Amino acid sequence: AQLAPDIVRETKDVLTLVELEQILADNNQYLVVKEIDGIAVGALLGSITKTLERRWSQARLYAYLEELIVCPASRGKGIARELVDSFVYWAQSHDASSVDLHVWSNNDSAMGFYRSYGFSEKQYLMTYAKEK
């Protein structure tokens, strides 16, 4: 929320019970939580997406890393890498050709982590906002 306050809201509950049940019931969704001594210190939410072939694009099966969260006190301890490792393994076991994600351009620590993991920039997401 601090990186994009115009878009993201702070919240105490990340998922409602209904949202959690929907994710767990969907075989194309992946949710993993890292606990240390019974306390959640990190979580990753991802999915598998299949796009159809069109005249201008090829069919594609890819994984999308939707959310990666590690509590500030637990950062720098390999938790993010462990969570991403588990997602990459899951994605590969589902024959995903790649793992894609979006990251805020002003999130230097996330950009550094993803680069060190082996992710590379593929495209830029640009926004045009109507003036208020």
C-alpha atoms as a PDB file:
ATOM      1  CA  ALA A   1       0.000   0.000   0.000  1.00  0.00           C
ATOM      2  CA  GLN A   2       2.913   2.358   0.652  1.00  0.00           C
ATOM      3  CA  LEU A   3       4.309   1.774  -2.848  1.00  0.00           C
ATOM      4  CA  ALA A   4       1.025   2.515  -4.654  1.00  0.00           C
ATOM      5  CA  PRO A   5      -1.406   4.214  -2.256  1.00  0.00           C
ATOM      6  CA  ASP A   6      -3.590   5.376  -5.161  1.00  0.00           C
ATOM      7  CA  ILE A   7      -4.329   1.734  -6.037  1.00  0.00           C
ATOM      8  CA  VAL A   8      -3.637  -0.514  -3.043  1.00  0.00           C
ATOM      9  CA  ARG A   9      -5.367  -0.289   0.337  1.00  0.00           C
ATOM     10  CA  GLU A  10      -3.951  -1.422   3.647  1.00  0.00           C
ATOM     11  CA  THR A  11      -5.986  -4.176   5.234  1.00  0.00           C
ATOM     12  CA  LYS A  12      -5.686  -6.396   8.271  1.00  0.00           C
ATOM     13  CA  ASP A  13      -7.292  -9.423   6.584  1.00  0.00           C
ATOM     14  CA  VAL A  14      -5.656 -10.374   3.320  1.00  0.00           C
ATOM     15  CA  LEU A  15      -8.329 -12.902   2.321  1.00  0.00           C
ATOM     16  CA  THR A  16     -11.868 -13.484   3.468  1.00  0.00           C
ATOM     17  CA  LEU A  17     -12.893 -17.041   4.315  1.00  0.00           C
ATOM     18  CA  VAL A  18     -14.948 -17.236   1.105  1.00  0.00           C
ATOM     19  CA  GLU A  19     -11.975 -16.052  -0.993  1.00  0.00           C
ATOM     20  CA  LEU A  20      -9.706 -18.579   0.711  1.00  0.00           C
ATOM     21  CA  GLU A  21     -12.171 -21.408   0.076  1.00  0.00           C
ATOM     22  CA  GLN A  22     -12.410 -20.427  -3.611  1.00  0.00           C
ATOM     23  CA  ILE A  23      -8.623 -20.454  -3.984  1.00  0.00           C
ATOM     24  CA  LEU A  24      -8.275 -23.819  -2.264  1.00  0.00           C
ATOM     25  CA  ALA A  25     -11.009 -25.343  -4.455  1.00  0.00           C
ATOM     26  CA  ASP A  26      -9.370 -24.173  -7.705  1.00  0.00           C
ATOM     27  CA  ASN A  27      -6.699 -26.562  -9.035  1.00  0.00           C
ATOM     28  CA  ASN A  28      -5.220 -23.712 -11.100  1.00  0.00           C
ATOM     29  CA  GLN A  29      -4.457 -21.673  -7.968  1.00  0.00           C
ATOM     30  CA  TYR A  30      -1.473 -22.124  -5.664  1.00  0.00           C
ATOM     31  CA  LEU A  31      -1.333 -20.813  -2.113  1.00  0.00           C
ATOM     32  CA  VAL A  32       1.465 -21.559   0.326  1.00  0.00           C
ATOM     33  CA  VAL A  33       2.131 -20.076   3.749  1.00  0.00           C
ATOM     34  CA  LYS A  34       5.466 -20.228   5.561  1.00  0.00           C
ATOM     35  CA  GLU A  35       5.244 -20.569   9.326  1.00  0.00           C
ATOM     36  CA  ILE A  36       7.962 -20.370  11.947  1.00  0.00           C
ATOM     37  CA  ASP A  37       7.018 -21.489  15.450  1.00  0.00           C
ATOM     38  CA  GLY A  38       3.322 -21.379  14.513  1.00  0.00           C
ATOM     39  CA  ILE A  39       3.469 -17.793  13.212  1.00  0.00           C
ATOM     40  CA  ALA A  40       2.855 -16.990   9.544  1.00  0.00           C
ATOM     41  CA  VAL A  41       5.907 -15.104   8.255  1.00  0.00           C
ATOM     42  CA  GLY A  42       5.328 -15.326   4.509  1.00  0.00           C
ATOM     43  CA  ALA A  43       2.833 -16.281   1.838  1.00  0.00           C
ATOM     44  CA  LEU A  44       2.680 -16.728  -1.917  1.00  0.00           C
ATOM     45  CA  LEU A  45      -0.372 -16.787  -4.168  1.00  0.00           C
ATOM     46  CA  GLY A  46      -0.059 -17.808  -7.789  1.00  0.00           C
ATOM     47  CA  SER A  47      -1.976 -19.388 -10.617  1.00  0.00           C
ATOM     48  CA  ILE A  48      -1.744 -21.197 -13.934  1.00  0.00           C
ATOM     49  CA  THR A  49      -3.223 -19.527 -17.000  1.00  0.00           C
ATOM     50  CA  LYS A  50      -3.812 -21.006 -20.440  1.00  0.00           C
ATOM     51  CA  THR A  51      -4.217 -18.630 -23.338  1.00  0.00           C
ATOM     52  CA  LEU A  52      -5.644 -19.820 -26.635  1.00  0.00           C
ATOM     53  CA  GLU A  53      -3.907 -19.568 -29.969  1.00  0.00           C
ATOM     54  CA  ARG A  54      -5.043 -16.699 -32.097  1.00  0.00           C
ATOM     55  CA  ARG A  55      -3.987 -15.541 -35.508  1.00  0.00           C
ATOM     56  CA  TRP A  56      -1.555 -13.069 -33.912  1.00  0.00           C
ATOM     57  CA  SER A  57      -0.401 -15.081 -30.882  1.00  0.00           C
ATOM     58  CA  GLN A  58       0.588 -18.587 -29.901  1.00  0.00           C
ATOM     59  CA  ALA A  59      -1.203 -20.709 -27.329  1.00  0.00           C
ATOM     60  CA  ARG A  60       0.542 -20.491 -23.995  1.00  0.00           C
ATOM     61  CA  LEU A  61       0.413 -22.102 -20.568  1.00  0.00           C
ATOM     62  CA  TYR A  62       2.160 -19.969 -17.965  1.00  0.00           C
ATOM     63  CA  ALA A  63       2.243 -19.426 -14.231  1.00  0.00           C
ATOM     64  CA  TYR A  64       1.575 -16.031 -12.708  1.00  0.00           C
ATOM     65  CA  LEU A  65       2.947 -15.042  -9.322  1.00  0.00           C
ATOM     66  CA  GLU A  66       0.166 -12.848  -7.960  1.00  0.00           C
ATOM     67  CA  GLU A  67       1.355 -12.048  -4.443  1.00  0.00           C
ATOM     68  CA  LEU A  68       4.533 -12.658  -2.486  1.00  0.00           C
ATOM     69  CA  ILE A  69       4.514 -11.383   1.078  1.00  0.00           C
ATOM     70  CA  VAL A  70       7.192 -11.739   3.748  1.00  0.00           C
ATOM     71  CA  CYS A  71       6.752  -9.902   7.031  1.00  0.00           C
ATOM     72  CA  PRO A  72       9.420  -7.212   7.481  1.00  0.00           C
ATOM     73  CA  ALA A  73      11.019  -8.882  10.537  1.00  0.00           C
ATOM     74  CA  SER A  74      11.565 -12.100   8.530  1.00  0.00           C
ATOM     75  CA  ARG A  75      13.081 -10.601   5.384  1.00  0.00           C
ATOM     76  CA  GLY A  76      16.610 -11.522   4.362  1.00  0.00           C
ATOM     77  CA  LYS A  77      16.306 -15.060   5.763  1.00  0.00           C
ATOM     78  CA  GLY A  78      15.589 -16.930   2.515  1.00  0.00           C
ATOM     79  CA  ILE A  79      11.821 -17.160   3.033  1.00  0.00           C
ATOM     80  CA  ALA A  80      10.912 -15.432  -0.245  1.00  0.00           C
ATOM     81  CA  ARG A  81      13.303 -17.705  -2.156  1.00  0.00           C
ATOM     82  CA  GLU A  82      11.800 -20.779  -0.471  1.00  0.00           C
ATOM     83  CA  LEU A  83       8.263 -19.674  -1.378  1.00  0.00           C
ATOM     84  CA  VAL A  84       9.198 -18.880  -4.987  1.00  0.00           C
ATOM     85  CA  ASP A  85      11.088 -22.184  -5.266  1.00  0.00           C
ATOM     86  CA  SER A  86       7.941 -24.056  -4.261  1.00  0.00           C
ATOM     87  CA  PHE A  87       5.832 -22.101  -6.767  1.00  0.00           C
ATOM     88  CA  VAL A  88       8.304 -22.623  -9.622  1.00  0.00           C
ATOM     89  CA  TYR A  89       8.363 -26.368  -8.887  1.00  0.00           C
ATOM     90  CA  TRP A  90       4.531 -26.462  -8.863  1.00  0.00           C
ATOM     91  CA  ALA A  91       4.354 -24.432 -12.089  1.00  0.00           C
ATOM     92  CA  GLN A  92       6.839 -26.717 -13.834  1.00  0.00           C
ATOM     93  CA  SER A  93       4.915 -29.782 -12.664  1.00  0.00           C
ATOM     94  CA  HIS A  94       1.885 -28.282 -14.443  1.00  0.00           C
ATOM     95  CA  ASP A  95       3.932 -27.783 -17.648  1.00  0.00           C
ATOM     96  CA  ALA A  96       4.016 -23.994 -17.407  1.00  0.00           C
ATOM     97  CA  SER A  97       6.416 -22.515 -19.958  1.00  0.00           C
ATOM     98  CA  SER A  98       7.286 -19.578 -17.702  1.00  0.00           C
ATOM     99  CA  VAL A  99       6.540 -17.822 -14.437  1.00  0.00           C
ATOM    100  CA  ASP A 100       5.466 -14.214 -14.916  1.00  0.00           C
ATOM    101  CA  LEU A 101       4.764 -11.440 -12.433  1.00  0.00           C
ATOM    102  CA  HIS A 102       4.291  -7.708 -12.118  1.00  0.00           C
ATOM    103  CA  VAL A 103       6.296  -5.652  -9.664  1.00  0.00           C
ATOM    104  CA  TRP A 104       5.986  -1.967  -8.805  1.00  0.00           C
ATOM    105  CA  SER A 105       8.759  -0.048 -10.548  1.00  0.00           C
ATOM    106  CA  ASN A 106       9.531   1.804  -7.299  1.00  0.00           C
ATOM    107  CA  ASN A 107       9.910  -1.418  -5.270  1.00  0.00           C
ATOM    108  CA  ASP A 108      13.694  -1.636  -5.424  1.00  0.00           C
ATOM    109  CA  SER A 109      13.996  -4.499  -2.926  1.00  0.00           C
ATOM    110  CA  ALA A 110      11.513  -6.679  -4.839  1.00  0.00           C
ATOM    111  CA  MET A 111      13.163  -5.841  -8.162  1.00  0.00           C
ATOM    112  CA  GLY A 112      16.543  -6.814  -6.709  1.00  0.00           C
ATOM    113  CA  PHE A 113      15.181 -10.067  -5.301  1.00  0.00           C
ATOM    114  CA  TYR A 114      13.487 -11.108  -8.540  1.00  0.00           C
ATOM    115  CA  ARG A 115      16.585 -10.265 -10.602  1.00  0.00           C
ATOM    116  CA  SER A 116      18.810 -12.263  -8.235  1.00  0.00           C
ATOM    117  CA  TYR A 117      16.382 -15.173  -8.530  1.00  0.00           C
ATOM    118  CA  GLY A 118      16.707 -15.103 -12.321  1.00  0.00           C
ATOM    119  CA  PHE A 119      13.659 -13.143 -13.463  1.00  0.00           C
ATOM    120  CA  SER A 120      14.226 -10.615 -16.234  1.00  0.00           C
ATOM    121  CA  GLU A 121      12.249  -7.689 -17.526  1.00  0.00           C
ATOM    122  CA  LYS A 122      10.069  -8.638 -20.461  1.00  0.00           C
ATOM    123  CA  GLN A 123       7.725  -5.708 -20.876  1.00  0.00           C
ATOM    124  CA  TYR A 124       6.655  -2.505 -19.196  1.00  0.00           C
ATOM    125  CA  LEU A 125       3.166  -1.857 -17.883  1.00  0.00           C
ATOM    126  CA  MET A 126       2.224   1.736 -18.611  1.00  0.00           C
ATOM    127  CA  THR A 127      -0.757   3.655 -17.296  1.00  0.00           C
ATOM    128  CA  TYR A 128      -2.571   6.738 -18.456  1.00  0.00           C
ATOM    129  CA  ALA A 129      -4.684   8.224 -15.701  1.00  0.00           C
ATOM    130  CA  LYS A 130      -7.461  10.679 -16.329  1.00  0.00           C
ATOM    131  CA  GLU A 131      -6.775  13.967 -14.582  1.00  0.00           C
ATOM    132  CA  LYS A 132      -9.140  14.741 -11.736  1.00  0.00           C
END
